Amino acid sequence: MTETPGRDPDVLTTAELATKLGLSPQTVRRMANAGQIPALKTGKDFRYSWQAVREVLRQPHHPGETAHEPPEPKKGAGYRAQRRARTGAQNQTTQEQVSQE
């Protein structure tokens, strides 16, 4: 990794963090968007603090618990499809329960 003068070596680009973690840049971006790793959005990309990312990844994982509130879901075609899928799955489960009684 080549350092540019005046740049903090702790601050990494998506590609640099992906290389350090052995992941693809796309996976790192997905983790940042999901709030799984701390990131600062800079235009279209992110910047990451290596120290902050390491601290988060070293913490034990407890399913069902989140370190912070999840972001508000984006309202768009994907959001509506997910909502329909969840509602449809719940309605189907309810219908199955009624038919079993």
PDB file of N, CA and C in Angstrom:
ATOM      1  N   MET A   1       0.843  -1.167   0.000  1.00  0.00           N
ATOM      2  CA  MET A   1       0.000   0.000   0.000  1.00  0.00           C
ATOM      3  C   MET A   1       0.888   1.229   0.000  1.00  0.00           C
ATOM      4  N   THR A   2       0.690   2.085  -0.964  1.00  0.00           N
ATOM      5  CA  THR A   2       1.480   3.302  -1.073  1.00  0.00           C
ATOM      6  C   THR A   2       0.775   4.418  -0.318  1.00  0.00           C
ATOM      7  N   GLU A   3       1.537   5.100   0.553  1.00  0.00           N
ATOM      8  CA  GLU A   3       0.949   6.189   1.325  1.00  0.00           C
ATOM      9  C   GLU A   3       1.158   7.504   0.600  1.00  0.00           C
ATOM     10  N   THR A   4       0.100   8.304   0.547  1.00  0.00           N
ATOM     11  CA  THR A   4       0.224   9.637  -0.008  1.00  0.00           C
ATOM     12  C   THR A   4       0.600  10.590   1.110  1.00  0.00           C
ATOM     13  N   PRO A   5       1.417  11.585   0.821  1.00  0.00           N
ATOM     14  CA  PRO A   5       1.835  12.518   1.861  1.00  0.00           C
ATOM     15  C   PRO A   5       0.638  13.211   2.502  1.00  0.00           C
ATOM     16  N   GLY A   6       0.664  13.320   3.829  1.00  0.00           N
ATOM     17  CA  GLY A   6      -0.398  13.991   4.552  1.00  0.00           C
ATOM     18  C   GLY A   6      -1.627  13.151   4.806  1.00  0.00           C
ATOM     19  N   ARG A   7      -1.599  11.899   4.411  1.00  0.00           N
ATOM     20  CA  ARG A   7      -2.753  11.015   4.606  1.00  0.00           C
ATOM     21  C   ARG A   7      -2.560  10.168   5.846  1.00  0.00           C
ATOM     22  N   ASP A   8      -3.596  10.059   6.660  1.00  0.00           N
ATOM     23  CA  ASP A   8      -3.554   9.245   7.878  1.00  0.00           C
ATOM     24  C   ASP A   8      -3.486   7.766   7.485  1.00  0.00           C
ATOM     25  N   PRO A   9      -2.466   7.039   7.935  1.00  0.00           N
ATOM     26  CA  PRO A   9      -2.340   5.625   7.548  1.00  0.00           C
ATOM     27  C   PRO A   9      -3.439   4.746   8.140  1.00  0.00           C
ATOM     28  N   ASP A  10      -4.156   5.252   9.148  1.00  0.00           N
ATOM     29  CA  ASP A  10      -5.244   4.483   9.759  1.00  0.00           C
ATOM     30  C   ASP A  10      -6.509   4.522   8.897  1.00  0.00           C
ATOM     31  N   VAL A  11      -6.645   5.506   8.020  1.00  0.00           N
ATOM     32  CA  VAL A  11      -7.825   5.656   7.180  1.00  0.00           C
ATOM     33  C   VAL A  11      -7.608   4.886   5.876  1.00  0.00           C
ATOM     34  N   LEU A  12      -8.538   3.979   5.589  1.00  0.00           N
ATOM     35  CA  LEU A  12      -8.393   3.100   4.429  1.00  0.00           C
ATOM     36  C   LEU A  12      -9.541   3.288   3.444  1.00  0.00           C
ATOM     37  N   THR A  13      -9.262   3.015   2.188  1.00  0.00           N
ATOM     38  CA  THR A  13     -10.305   2.983   1.160  1.00  0.00           C
ATOM     39  C   THR A  13     -10.959   1.604   1.199  1.00  0.00           C
ATOM     40  N   THR A  14     -12.027   1.444   0.458  1.00  0.00           N
ATOM     41  CA  THR A  14     -12.710   0.147   0.402  1.00  0.00           C
ATOM     42  C   THR A  14     -11.769  -0.938  -0.123  1.00  0.00           C
ATOM     43  N   ALA A  15     -11.029  -0.633  -1.169  1.00  0.00           N
ATOM     44  CA  ALA A  15     -10.110  -1.627  -1.752  1.00  0.00           C
ATOM     45  C   ALA A  15      -9.013  -2.013  -0.765  1.00  0.00           C
ATOM     46  N   GLU A  16      -8.476  -1.026  -0.046  1.00  0.00           N
ATOM     47  CA  GLU A  16      -7.410  -1.313   0.923  1.00  0.00           C
ATOM     48  C   GLU A  16      -7.934  -2.171   2.078  1.00  0.00           C
ATOM     49  N   LEU A  17      -9.132  -1.836   2.585  1.00  0.00           N
ATOM     50  CA  LEU A  17      -9.701  -2.627   3.678  1.00  0.00           C
ATOM     51  C   LEU A  17     -10.027  -4.040   3.210  1.00  0.00           C
ATOM     52  N   ALA A  18     -10.559  -4.164   2.002  1.00  0.00           N
ATOM     53  CA  ALA A  18     -10.874  -5.487   1.455  1.00  0.00           C
ATOM     54  C   ALA A  18      -9.617  -6.353   1.386  1.00  0.00           C
ATOM     55  N   THR A  19      -8.516  -5.766   0.955  1.00  0.00           N
ATOM     56  CA  THR A  19      -7.252  -6.503   0.863  1.00  0.00           C
ATOM     57  C   THR A  19      -6.800  -6.957   2.250  1.00  0.00           C
ATOM     58  N   LYS A  20      -6.875  -6.059   3.229  1.00  0.00           N
ATOM     59  CA  LYS A  20      -6.446  -6.411   4.588  1.00  0.00           C
ATOM     60  C   LYS A  20      -7.308  -7.511   5.197  1.00  0.00           C
ATOM     61  N   LEU A  21      -8.609  -7.487   4.906  1.00  0.00           N
ATOM     62  CA  LEU A  21      -9.522  -8.471   5.489  1.00  0.00           C
ATOM     63  C   LEU A  21      -9.640  -9.744   4.659  1.00  0.00           C
ATOM     64  N   GLY A  22      -9.115  -9.715   3.445  1.00  0.00           N
ATOM     65  CA  GLY A  22      -9.221 -10.882   2.568  1.00  0.00           C
ATOM     66  C   GLY A  22     -10.624 -11.060   2.017  1.00  0.00           C
ATOM     67  N   LEU A  23     -11.324  -9.944   1.817  1.00  0.00           N
ATOM     68  CA  LEU A  23     -12.679  -9.968   1.279  1.00  0.00           C
ATOM     69  C   LEU A  23     -12.718  -9.194  -0.034  1.00  0.00           C
ATOM     70  N   SER A  24     -13.826  -9.308  -0.735  1.00  0.00           N
ATOM     71  CA  SER A  24     -13.984  -8.512  -1.952  1.00  0.00           C
ATOM     72  C   SER A  24     -14.430  -7.106  -1.558  1.00  0.00           C
ATOM     73  N   PRO A  25     -14.115  -6.110  -2.376  1.00  0.00           N
ATOM     74  CA  PRO A  25     -14.586  -4.748  -2.087  1.00  0.00           C
ATOM     75  C   PRO A  25     -16.109  -4.670  -1.986  1.00  0.00           C
ATOM     76  N   GLN A  26     -16.805  -5.459  -2.788  1.00  0.00           N
ATOM     77  CA  GLN A  26     -18.267  -5.458  -2.752  1.00  0.00           C
ATOM     78  C   GLN A  26     -18.775  -5.938  -1.385  1.00  0.00           C
ATOM     79  N   THR A  27     -18.145  -6.954  -0.820  1.00  0.00           N
ATOM     80  CA  THR A  27     -18.537  -7.457   0.494  1.00  0.00           C
ATOM     81  C   THR A  27     -18.302  -6.399   1.563  1.00  0.00           C
ATOM     82  N   VAL A  28     -17.177  -5.699   1.479  1.00  0.00           N
ATOM     83  CA  VAL A  28     -16.865  -4.642   2.442  1.00  0.00           C
ATOM     84  C   VAL A  28     -17.909  -3.535   2.347  1.00  0.00           C
ATOM     85  N   ARG A  29     -18.301  -3.137   1.129  1.00  0.00           N
ATOM     86  CA  ARG A  29     -19.330  -2.101   0.961  1.00  0.00           C
ATOM     87  C   ARG A  29     -20.664  -2.558   1.537  1.00  0.00           C
ATOM     88  N   ARG A  30     -21.004  -3.812   1.306  1.00  0.00           N
ATOM     89  CA  ARG A  30     -22.267  -4.341   1.854  1.00  0.00           C
ATOM     90  C   ARG A  30     -22.248  -4.311   3.383  1.00  0.00           C
ATOM     91  N   MET A  31     -21.116  -4.684   3.968  1.00  0.00           N
ATOM     92  CA  MET A  31     -21.000  -4.646   5.431  1.00  0.00           C
ATOM     93  C   MET A  31     -21.138  -3.223   5.950  1.00  0.00           C
ATOM     94  N   ALA A  32     -20.566  -2.251   5.236  1.00  0.00           N
ATOM     95  CA  ALA A  32     -20.664  -0.846   5.638  1.00  0.00           C
ATOM     96  C   ALA A  32     -22.105  -0.361   5.513  1.00  0.00           C
ATOM     97  N   ASN A  33     -22.771  -0.694   4.406  1.00  0.00           N
ATOM     98  CA  ASN A  33     -24.168  -0.291   4.217  1.00  0.00           C
ATOM     99  C   ASN A  33     -25.083  -0.907   5.266  1.00  0.00           C
ATOM    100  N   ALA A  34     -24.772  -2.129   5.701  1.00  0.00           N
ATOM    101  CA  ALA A  34     -25.587  -2.821   6.696  1.00  0.00           C
ATOM    102  C   ALA A  34     -25.265  -2.362   8.119  1.00  0.00           C
ATOM    103  N   GLY A  35     -24.218  -1.554   8.272  1.00  0.00           N
ATOM    104  CA  GLY A  35     -23.853  -1.080   9.606  1.00  0.00           C
ATOM    105  C   GLY A  35     -23.045  -2.087  10.404  1.00  0.00           C
ATOM    106  N   GLN A  36     -22.519  -3.114   9.743  1.00  0.00           N
ATOM    107  CA  GLN A  36     -21.736  -4.131  10.431  1.00  0.00           C
ATOM    108  C   GLN A  36     -20.332  -3.653  10.748  1.00  0.00           C
ATOM    109  N   ILE A  37     -19.826  -2.708   9.978  1.00  0.00           N
ATOM    110  CA  ILE A  37     -18.516  -2.121  10.244  1.00  0.00           C
ATOM    111  C   ILE A  37     -18.651  -0.598  10.169  1.00  0.00           C
ATOM    112  N   PRO A  38     -17.896   0.118  10.996  1.00  0.00           N
ATOM    113  CA  PRO A  38     -17.981   1.578  10.968  1.00  0.00           C
ATOM    114  C   PRO A  38     -17.358   2.134   9.691  1.00  0.00           C
ATOM    115  N   ALA A  39     -18.045   3.084   9.079  1.00  0.00           N
ATOM    116  CA  ALA A  39     -17.562   3.661   7.827  1.00  0.00           C
ATOM    117  C   ALA A  39     -18.066   5.081   7.692  1.00  0.00           C
ATOM    118  N   LEU A  40     -17.323   5.861   6.947  1.00  0.00           N
ATOM    119  CA  LEU A  40     -17.704   7.234   6.636  1.00  0.00           C
ATOM    120  C   LEU A  40     -17.940   7.308   5.140  1.00  0.00           C
ATOM    121  N   LYS A  41     -19.142   7.686   4.744  1.00  0.00           N
ATOM    122  CA  LYS A  41     -19.476   7.776   3.322  1.00  0.00           C
ATOM    123  C   LYS A  41     -18.841   9.036   2.745  1.00  0.00           C
ATOM    124  N   THR A  42     -18.059   8.851   1.691  1.00  0.00           N
ATOM    125  CA  THR A  42     -17.412   9.973   1.010  1.00  0.00           C
ATOM    126  C   THR A  42     -17.810   9.919  -0.453  1.00  0.00           C
ATOM    127  N   GLY A  43     -18.810  10.665  -0.812  1.00  0.00           N
ATOM    128  CA  GLY A  43     -19.305  10.605  -2.180  1.00  0.00           C
ATOM    129  C   GLY A  43     -19.967   9.271  -2.438  1.00  0.00           C
ATOM    130  N   LYS A  44     -19.441   8.539  -3.408  1.00  0.00           N
ATOM    131  CA  LYS A  44     -20.008   7.231  -3.742  1.00  0.00           C
ATOM    132  C   LYS A  44     -19.351   6.095  -2.972  1.00  0.00           C
ATOM    133  N   ASP A  45     -18.251   6.358  -2.323  1.00  0.00           N
ATOM    134  CA  ASP A  45     -17.511   5.291  -1.642  1.00  0.00           C
ATOM    135  C   ASP A  45     -17.436   5.569  -0.146  1.00  0.00           C
ATOM    136  N   PHE A  46     -16.695   4.734   0.557  1.00  0.00           N
ATOM    137  CA  PHE A  46     -16.549   4.842   1.997  1.00  0.00           C
ATOM    138  C   PHE A  46     -15.080   4.999   2.367  1.00  0.00           C
ATOM    139  N   ARG A  47     -14.847   5.471   3.565  1.00  0.00           N
ATOM    140  CA  ARG A  47     -13.519   5.456   4.185  1.00  0.00           C
ATOM    141  C   ARG A  47     -13.686   4.765   5.525  1.00  0.00           C
ATOM    142  N   TYR A  48     -12.662   4.042   5.926  1.00  0.00           N
ATOM    143  CA  TYR A  48     -12.732   3.215   7.124  1.00  0.00           C
ATOM    144  C   TYR A  48     -11.532   3.482   8.019  1.00  0.00           C
ATOM    145  N   SER A  49     -11.752   3.462   9.318  1.00  0.00           N
ATOM    146  CA  SER A  49     -10.664   3.518  10.282  1.00  0.00           C
ATOM    147  C   SER A  49     -10.278   2.077  10.585  1.00  0.00           C
ATOM    148  N   TRP A  50      -9.040   1.717  10.296  1.00  0.00           N
ATOM    149  CA  TRP A  50      -8.575   0.349  10.511  1.00  0.00           C
ATOM    150  C   TRP A  50      -8.742  -0.037  11.973  1.00  0.00           C
ATOM    151  N   GLN A  51      -8.412   0.865  12.887  1.00  0.00           N
ATOM    152  CA  GLN A  51      -8.516   0.575  14.314  1.00  0.00           C
ATOM    153  C   GLN A  51      -9.987   0.342  14.708  1.00  0.00           C
ATOM    154  N   ALA A  52     -10.892   1.167  14.243  1.00  0.00           N
ATOM    155  CA  ALA A  52     -12.314   1.017  14.581  1.00  0.00           C
ATOM    156  C   ALA A  52     -12.888  -0.275  14.002  1.00  0.00           C
ATOM    157  N   VAL A  53     -12.517  -0.599  12.773  1.00  0.00           N
ATOM    158  CA  VAL A  53     -13.001  -1.835  12.147  1.00  0.00           C
ATOM    159  C   VAL A  53     -12.495  -3.045  12.916  1.00  0.00           C
ATOM    160  N   ARG A  54     -11.218  -3.038  13.289  1.00  0.00           N
ATOM    161  CA  ARG A  54     -10.664  -4.164  14.064  1.00  0.00           C
ATOM    162  C   ARG A  54     -11.392  -4.344  15.388  1.00  0.00           C
ATOM    163  N   GLU A  55     -11.669  -3.245  16.083  1.00  0.00           N
ATOM    164  CA  GLU A  55     -12.368  -3.334  17.367  1.00  0.00           C
ATOM    165  C   GLU A  55     -13.750  -3.961  17.205  1.00  0.00           C
ATOM    166  N   VAL A  56     -14.475  -3.544  16.166  1.00  0.00           N
ATOM    167  CA  VAL A  56     -15.814  -4.084  15.934  1.00  0.00           C
ATOM    168  C   VAL A  56     -15.747  -5.565  15.581  1.00  0.00           C
ATOM    169  N   LEU A  57     -14.811  -5.929  14.724  1.00  0.00           N
ATOM    170  CA  LEU A  57     -14.722  -7.330  14.290  1.00  0.00           C
ATOM    171  C   LEU A  57     -14.200  -8.250  15.379  1.00  0.00           C
ATOM    172  N   ARG A  58     -13.514  -7.716  16.371  1.00  0.00           N
ATOM    173  CA  ARG A  58     -13.016  -8.537  17.481  1.00  0.00           C
ATOM    174  C   ARG A  58     -14.090  -8.815  18.528  1.00  0.00           C
ATOM    175  N   GLN A  59     -15.164  -8.055  18.526  1.00  0.00           N
ATOM    176  CA  GLN A  59     -16.231  -8.255  19.496  1.00  0.00           C
ATOM    177  C   GLN A  59     -16.953  -9.559  19.202  1.00  0.00           C
ATOM    178  N   PRO A  60     -17.364 -10.282  20.267  1.00  0.00           N
ATOM    179  CA  PRO A  60     -18.102 -11.530  20.025  1.00  0.00           C
ATOM    180  C   PRO A  60     -19.446 -11.235  19.378  1.00  0.00           C
ATOM    181  N   HIS A  61     -19.862 -12.126  18.513  1.00  0.00           N
ATOM    182  CA  HIS A  61     -21.124 -11.965  17.785  1.00  0.00           C
ATOM    183  C   HIS A  61     -22.246 -12.595  18.595  1.00  0.00           C
ATOM    184  N   HIS A  62     -23.306 -11.845  18.837  1.00  0.00           N
ATOM    185  CA  HIS A  62     -24.490 -12.345  19.526  1.00  0.00           C
ATOM    186  C   HIS A  62     -25.683 -12.159  18.600  1.00  0.00           C
ATOM    187  N   PRO A  63     -26.180 -13.241  17.986  1.00  0.00           N
ATOM    188  CA  PRO A  63     -27.302 -13.106  17.054  1.00  0.00           C
ATOM    189  C   PRO A  63     -28.504 -12.441  17.726  1.00  0.00           C
ATOM    190  N   GLY A  64     -29.164 -11.581  16.986  1.00  0.00           N
ATOM    191  CA  GLY A  64     -30.346 -10.914  17.502  1.00  0.00           C
ATOM    192  C   GLY A  64     -30.045  -9.610  18.201  1.00  0.00           C
ATOM    193  N   GLU A  65     -28.797  -9.367  18.559  1.00  0.00           N
ATOM    194  CA  GLU A  65     -28.428  -8.124  19.214  1.00  0.00           C
ATOM    195  C   GLU A  65     -27.725  -7.229  18.211  1.00  0.00           C
ATOM    196  N   THR A  66     -28.014  -5.947  18.293  1.00  0.00           N
ATOM    197  CA  THR A  66     -27.327  -4.993  17.436  1.00  0.00           C
ATOM    198  C   THR A  66     -26.669  -3.943  18.304  1.00  0.00           C
ATOM    199  N   ALA A  67     -25.562  -3.417  17.830  1.00  0.00           N
ATOM    200  CA  ALA A  67     -24.825  -2.408  18.579  1.00  0.00           C
ATOM    201  C   ALA A  67     -25.540  -1.074  18.543  1.00  0.00           C
ATOM    202  N   HIS A  68     -26.354  -0.854  17.539  1.00  0.00           N
ATOM    203  CA  HIS A  68     -27.084   0.409  17.394  1.00  0.00           C
ATOM    204  C   HIS A  68     -28.381   0.150  16.659  1.00  0.00           C
ATOM    205  N   GLU A  69     -29.182   1.170  16.571  1.00  0.00           N
ATOM    206  CA  GLU A  69     -30.464   1.054  15.875  1.00  0.00           C
ATOM    207  C   GLU A  69     -30.227   0.807  14.389  1.00  0.00           C
ATOM    208  N   PRO A  70     -30.971  -0.106  13.780  1.00  0.00           N
ATOM    209  CA  PRO A  70     -30.808  -0.314  12.335  1.00  0.00           C
ATOM    210  C   PRO A  70     -31.292   0.916  11.573  1.00  0.00           C
ATOM    211  N   PRO A  71     -30.701   1.172  10.404  1.00  0.00           N
ATOM    212  CA  PRO A  71     -31.118   2.329   9.624  1.00  0.00           C
ATOM    213  C   PRO A  71     -32.552   2.154   9.128  1.00  0.00           C
ATOM    214  N   GLU A  72     -33.220   3.272   8.893  1.00  0.00           N
ATOM    215  CA  GLU A  72     -34.570   3.221   8.345  1.00  0.00           C
ATOM    216  C   GLU A  72     -34.524   2.528   6.985  1.00  0.00           C
ATOM    217  N   PRO A  73     -35.470   1.625   6.724  1.00  0.00           N
ATOM    218  CA  PRO A  73     -35.457   0.971   5.416  1.00  0.00           C
ATOM    219  C   PRO A  73     -35.723   1.977   4.311  1.00  0.00           C
ATOM    220  N   LYS A  74     -35.055   1.771   3.193  1.00  0.00           N
ATOM    221  CA  LYS A  74     -35.268   2.638   2.040  1.00  0.00           C
ATOM    222  C   LYS A  74     -36.594   2.263   1.415  1.00  0.00           C
ATOM    223  N   LYS A  75     -37.357   3.270   1.069  1.00  0.00           N
ATOM    224  CA  LYS A  75     -38.659   3.013   0.478  1.00  0.00           C
ATOM    225  C   LYS A  75     -38.536   3.089  -1.032  1.00  0.00           C
ATOM    226  N   GLY A  76     -38.693   1.977  -1.661  1.00  0.00           N
ATOM    227  CA  GLY A  76     -38.599   1.896  -3.113  1.00  0.00           C
ATOM    228  C   GLY A  76     -39.147   0.559  -3.547  1.00  0.00           C
ATOM    229  N   ALA A  77     -38.899   0.191  -4.763  1.00  0.00           N
ATOM    230  CA  ALA A  77     -39.428  -1.061  -5.298  1.00  0.00           C
ATOM    231  C   ALA A  77     -38.935  -2.250  -4.490  1.00  0.00           C
ATOM    232  N   GLY A  78     -37.651  -2.246  -4.128  1.00  0.00           N
ATOM    233  CA  GLY A  78     -37.104  -3.355  -3.342  1.00  0.00           C
ATOM    234  C   GLY A  78     -37.730  -3.438  -1.967  1.00  0.00           C
ATOM    235  N   TYR A  79     -37.947  -2.278  -1.361  1.00  0.00           N
ATOM    236  CA  TYR A  79     -38.564  -2.224  -0.031  1.00  0.00           C
ATOM    237  C   TYR A  79     -39.973  -2.805  -0.089  1.00  0.00           C
ATOM    238  N   ARG A  80     -40.728  -2.393  -1.096  1.00  0.00           N
ATOM    239  CA  ARG A  80     -42.110  -2.883  -1.210  1.00  0.00           C
ATOM    240  C   ARG A  80     -42.137  -4.389  -1.448  1.00  0.00           C
ATOM    241  N   ALA A  81     -41.220  -4.891  -2.260  1.00  0.00           N
ATOM    242  CA  ALA A  81     -41.178  -6.334  -2.532  1.00  0.00           C
ATOM    243  C   ALA A  81     -40.841  -7.107  -1.259  1.00  0.00           C
ATOM    244  N   GLN A  82     -39.893  -6.590  -0.490  1.00  0.00           N
ATOM    245  CA  GLN A  82     -39.543  -7.255   0.767  1.00  0.00           C
ATOM    246  C   GLN A  82     -40.730  -7.239   1.723  1.00  0.00           C
ATOM    247  N   ARG A  83     -41.406  -6.094   1.785  1.00  0.00           N
ATOM    248  CA  ARG A  83     -42.552  -5.972   2.685  1.00  0.00           C
ATOM    249  C   ARG A  83     -43.668  -6.931   2.264  1.00  0.00           C
ATOM    250  N   ARG A  84     -43.919  -7.003   0.953  1.00  0.00           N
ATOM    251  CA  ARG A  84     -44.930  -7.937   0.457  1.00  0.00           C
ATOM    252  C   ARG A  84     -44.550  -9.374   0.780  1.00  0.00           C
ATOM    253  N   ALA A  85     -43.267  -9.690   0.622  1.00  0.00           N
ATOM    254  CA  ALA A  85     -42.806 -11.055   0.895  1.00  0.00           C
ATOM    255  C   ALA A  85     -43.001 -11.393   2.370  1.00  0.00           C
ATOM    256  N   ARG A  86     -42.661 -10.434   3.251  1.00  0.00           N
ATOM    257  CA  ARG A  86     -42.841 -10.678   4.691  1.00  0.00           C
ATOM    258  C   ARG A  86     -44.316 -10.825   5.031  1.00  0.00           C
ATOM    259  N   THR A  87     -45.136  -9.930   4.508  1.00  0.00           N
ATOM    260  CA  THR A  87     -46.570  -9.954   4.784  1.00  0.00           C
ATOM    261  C   THR A  87     -47.187 -11.216   4.211  1.00  0.00           C
ATOM    262  N   GLY A  88     -46.784 -11.559   2.998  1.00  0.00           N
ATOM    263  CA  GLY A  88     -47.298 -12.782   2.380  1.00  0.00           C
ATOM    264  C   GLY A  88     -46.915 -14.013   3.170  1.00  0.00           C
ATOM    265  N   ALA A  89     -45.693 -14.042   3.683  1.00  0.00           N
ATOM    266  CA  ALA A  89     -45.235 -15.185   4.483  1.00  0.00           C
ATOM    267  C   ALA A  89     -46.016 -15.259   5.785  1.00  0.00           C
ATOM    268  N   GLN A  90     -46.299 -14.115   6.397  1.00  0.00           N
ATOM    269  CA  GLN A  90     -47.063 -14.103   7.646  1.00  0.00           C
ATOM    270  C   GLN A  90     -48.504 -14.521   7.390  1.00  0.00           C
ATOM    271  N   ASN A  91     -49.104 -14.019   6.310  1.00  0.00           N
ATOM    272  CA  ASN A  91     -50.484 -14.387   5.979  1.00  0.00           C
ATOM    273  C   ASN A  91     -50.583 -15.868   5.671  1.00  0.00           C
ATOM    274  N   GLN A  92     -49.597 -16.401   4.969  1.00  0.00           N
ATOM    275  CA  GLN A  92     -49.601 -17.819   4.633  1.00  0.00           C
ATOM    276  C   GLN A  92     -49.506 -18.653   5.898  1.00  0.00           C
ATOM    277  N   THR A  93     -48.660 -18.263   6.840  1.00  0.00           N
ATOM    278  CA  THR A  93     -48.516 -18.981   8.102  1.00  0.00           C
ATOM    279  C   THR A  93     -49.821 -18.934   8.870  1.00  0.00           C
ATOM    280  N   THR A  94     -50.481 -17.785   8.894  1.00  0.00           N
ATOM    281  CA  THR A  94     -51.753 -17.637   9.589  1.00  0.00           C
ATOM    282  C   THR A  94     -52.805 -18.530   8.946  1.00  0.00           C
ATOM    283  N   GLN A  95     -52.849 -18.581   7.615  1.00  0.00           N
ATOM    284  CA  GLN A  95     -53.814 -19.419   6.913  1.00  0.00           C
ATOM    285  C   GLN A  95     -53.556 -20.894   7.203  1.00  0.00           C
ATOM    286  N   GLU A  96     -52.293 -21.289   7.285  1.00  0.00           N
ATOM    287  CA  GLU A  96     -51.960 -22.680   7.586  1.00  0.00           C
ATOM    288  C   GLU A  96     -52.405 -23.036   8.999  1.00  0.00           C
ATOM    289  N   GLN A  97     -52.216 -22.110   9.937  1.00  0.00           N
ATOM    290  CA  GLN A  97     -52.618 -22.360  11.319  1.00  0.00           C
ATOM    291  C   GLN A  97     -54.138 -22.517  11.421  1.00  0.00           C
ATOM    292  N   VAL A  98     -54.868 -21.670  10.690  1.00  0.00           N
ATOM    293  CA  VAL A  98     -56.334 -21.729  10.702  1.00  0.00           C
ATOM    294  C   VAL A  98     -56.807 -23.047  10.113  1.00  0.00           C
ATOM    295  N   SER A  99     -56.187 -23.489   9.031  1.00  0.00           N
ATOM    296  CA  SER A  99     -56.604 -24.723   8.377  1.00  0.00           C
ATOM    297  C   SER A  99     -56.280 -25.956   9.223  1.00  0.00           C
ATOM    298  N   GLN A 100     -55.289 -25.865  10.094  1.00  0.00           N
ATOM    299  CA  GLN A 100     -54.924 -27.000  10.955  1.00  0.00           C
ATOM    300  C   GLN A 100     -55.879 -27.146  12.121  1.00  0.00           C
ATOM    301  N   GLU A 101     -56.564 -26.082  12.498  1.00  0.00           N
ATOM    302  CA  GLU A 101     -57.479 -26.118  13.643  1.00  0.00           C
ATOM    303  C   GLU A 101     -58.753 -26.734  13.298  1.00  0.00           C
TER     304      GLU A 101
END
